[in-house]
Amino acid sequence: MTLRMSADGRQKLALREGRRLKAYKDTVGVWTIGIGHTSAAGPPTVTPDLVITDAQCDEIFMRDLGKYEAAVNGALTRPVSQTSFDALTSLCYNIGPDAFAKSTVVKRINAGDLKGAAEAFLMWNRPPEIMGRRKSEYQQFLAGL
């Protein structure tokens, strides 16, 4: 079964990422715009002078989100709840599909260890500023168990 992020999950992810219509450098120096969009996710390429509208922000977010939902669905060999899927997609959105697929979170889910998978969210602890987000994703994942 292929899952998509729920409206609640999208709202939580957008709050974690923030919404900025003018390009900025994130905490590790990557040019970002909208709801956590970077050039690595695909068009548009984020440049220092880029400005987008609210409508463009929403369109980019939904397009980006589809890639991360597909990555989560592709990495998992066992079913998870909608709430847990939302937390996993938030993690994938932040660390990228390749890192997500190789993560201890995915390995533990696929081994049937959901509580261990929840704990593994907290291993993604760099930079230190990310821990508020990780704890939020951890709680969201646990709520789905």
Protein backbone atom coordinates (compact mmCIF):
# COMPACT_ATOMS: atom_id res chain seq x y z
CA MET A 1 0.00 0.00 0.00
CA THR A 2 1.37 3.40 -1.00
CA LEU A 3 0.84 6.12 1.58
CA ARG A 4 0.74 9.89 1.12
CA MET A 5 1.34 12.38 3.90
CA SER A 6 -1.85 13.40 5.70
CA ALA A 7 -3.03 17.01 5.97
CA ASP A 8 -1.99 16.94 9.65
CA GLY A 9 1.44 15.59 8.70
CA ARG A 10 1.91 18.28 6.04
CA GLN A 11 0.96 20.96 8.55
CA LYS A 12 3.44 19.64 11.13
CA LEU A 13 6.21 19.38 8.53
CA ALA A 14 5.55 22.93 7.33
CA LEU A 15 5.74 24.20 10.92
CA ARG A 16 9.03 22.35 11.47
CA GLU A 17 10.53 23.72 8.27
CA GLY A 18 9.07 27.21 8.44
CA ARG A 19 7.80 29.17 5.43
CA ARG A 20 10.03 31.79 3.84
CA LEU A 21 9.36 33.44 0.51
CA LYS A 22 12.85 34.96 0.18
CA ALA A 23 15.94 32.76 -0.15
CA TYR A 24 18.05 32.29 2.99
CA LYS A 25 20.91 30.11 4.20
CA ASP A 26 19.86 27.33 6.58
CA THR A 27 21.80 26.43 9.75
CA VAL A 28 24.42 24.54 7.73
CA GLY A 29 24.74 27.21 5.01
CA VAL A 30 22.54 25.73 2.27
CA TRP A 31 20.43 28.17 0.23
CA THR A 32 16.78 27.42 1.02
CA ILE A 33 13.37 28.89 0.17
CA GLY A 34 9.70 28.14 0.74
CA ILE A 35 9.05 25.22 3.07
CA GLY A 36 12.57 23.84 3.30
CA HIS A 37 13.17 23.68 -0.46
CA THR A 38 16.79 23.40 -1.58
CA SER A 39 18.23 23.01 -5.07
CA ALA A 40 18.96 19.35 -4.22
CA ALA A 41 15.20 18.69 -4.30
CA GLY A 42 14.92 19.93 -7.89
CA PRO A 43 13.64 23.13 -9.51
CA PRO A 44 13.73 25.95 -8.80
CA THR A 45 17.44 26.38 -8.17
CA VAL A 46 17.74 28.48 -5.03
CA THR A 47 19.88 31.56 -5.52
CA PRO A 48 20.53 34.39 -3.03
CA ASP A 49 18.13 36.76 -4.82
CA LEU A 50 15.24 34.31 -5.33
CA VAL A 51 11.80 35.40 -4.14
CA ILE A 52 8.60 33.35 -4.60
CA THR A 53 4.88 33.89 -4.03
CA ASP A 54 2.70 32.00 -1.53
CA ALA A 55 1.17 30.02 -4.41
CA GLN A 56 4.62 29.08 -5.75
CA CYS A 57 5.67 28.08 -2.22
CA ASP A 58 2.71 25.69 -1.93
CA GLU A 59 3.30 24.24 -5.41
CA ILE A 60 7.02 23.64 -4.76
CA PHE A 61 6.24 22.04 -1.37
CA MET A 62 3.71 19.60 -2.84
CA ARG A 63 6.05 18.69 -5.70
CA ASP A 64 8.98 18.16 -3.33
CA LEU A 65 6.82 16.21 -0.90
CA GLY A 66 5.91 13.64 -3.57
CA LYS A 67 9.60 12.71 -3.95
CA TYR A 68 10.02 12.15 -0.22
CA GLU A 69 6.77 10.20 0.13
CA ALA A 70 7.95 7.92 -2.70
CA ALA A 71 11.33 7.50 -1.00
CA VAL A 72 9.69 6.47 2.29
CA ASN A 73 7.29 4.08 0.55
CA GLY A 74 10.21 2.59 -1.40
CA ALA A 75 12.44 2.07 1.64
CA LEU A 76 9.91 0.30 3.85
CA THR A 77 9.17 -3.41 3.57
CA ARG A 78 6.63 -3.42 6.42
CA PRO A 79 3.47 -1.37 6.84
CA VAL A 80 3.34 1.58 9.24
CA SER A 81 0.46 3.71 10.47
CA GLN A 82 -0.42 7.01 8.81
CA THR A 83 0.93 8.97 11.77
CA SER A 84 4.22 7.06 11.72
CA PHE A 85 4.47 7.52 7.95
CA ASP A 86 4.04 11.27 8.40
CA ALA A 87 6.91 11.35 10.92
CA LEU A 88 9.10 9.24 8.60
CA THR A 89 8.39 11.55 5.67
CA SER A 90 9.33 14.56 7.81
CA LEU A 91 12.64 12.87 8.66
CA CYS A 92 13.28 11.95 5.03
CA TYR A 93 12.46 15.51 3.93
CA ASN A 94 15.17 16.75 6.27
CA ILE A 95 17.97 14.18 5.77
CA GLY A 96 17.33 13.22 2.13
CA PRO A 97 16.19 9.98 0.47
CA ASP A 98 19.61 8.31 0.32
CA ALA A 99 20.44 8.86 3.99
CA PHE A 100 16.89 7.87 4.92
CA ALA A 101 17.03 4.58 2.99
CA LYS A 102 20.30 3.63 4.75
CA SER A 103 19.19 4.81 8.19
CA THR A 104 18.87 2.76 11.35
CA VAL A 105 15.27 3.99 11.49
CA VAL A 106 14.44 2.12 8.26
CA LYS A 107 16.54 -0.93 9.17
CA ARG A 108 14.70 -1.30 12.47
CA ILE A 109 11.25 -0.84 10.93
CA ASN A 110 12.01 -3.44 8.28
CA ALA A 111 13.22 -5.79 11.04
CA GLY A 112 9.92 -5.30 12.90
CA ASP A 113 11.40 -3.21 15.74
CA LEU A 114 9.15 -0.16 15.76
CA LYS A 115 10.10 1.03 19.25
CA GLY A 116 13.77 0.77 18.29
CA ALA A 117 13.02 2.67 15.09
CA ALA A 118 11.48 5.46 17.15
CA GLU A 119 14.64 5.68 19.28
CA ALA A 120 16.75 5.80 16.11
CA PHE A 121 15.13 9.15 15.14
CA LEU A 122 17.16 10.69 17.96
CA MET A 123 20.43 9.47 16.40
CA TRP A 124 20.00 12.20 13.76
CA ASN A 125 21.25 14.85 16.19
CA ARG A 126 23.42 17.18 14.09
CA PRO A 127 23.47 20.09 14.03
CA PRO A 128 22.42 20.44 17.70
CA GLU A 129 19.66 22.90 16.68
CA ILE A 130 17.80 20.00 15.03
CA MET A 131 16.95 18.19 18.27
CA GLY A 132 13.65 20.03 18.83
CA ARG A 133 12.53 18.78 15.43
CA ARG A 134 13.81 15.25 16.06
CA LYS A 135 11.98 15.00 19.38
CA SER A 136 8.80 16.20 17.66
CA GLU A 137 9.19 13.58 14.89
CA TYR A 138 9.97 10.92 17.51
CA GLN A 139 6.77 11.75 19.43
CA GLN A 140 4.75 11.79 16.19
CA PHE A 141 6.14 8.37 15.20
CA LEU A 142 5.41 6.93 18.66
CA ALA A 143 1.83 8.27 18.50
CA GLY A 144 1.32 6.01 15.49
CA LEU A 145 2.36 2.83 17.31
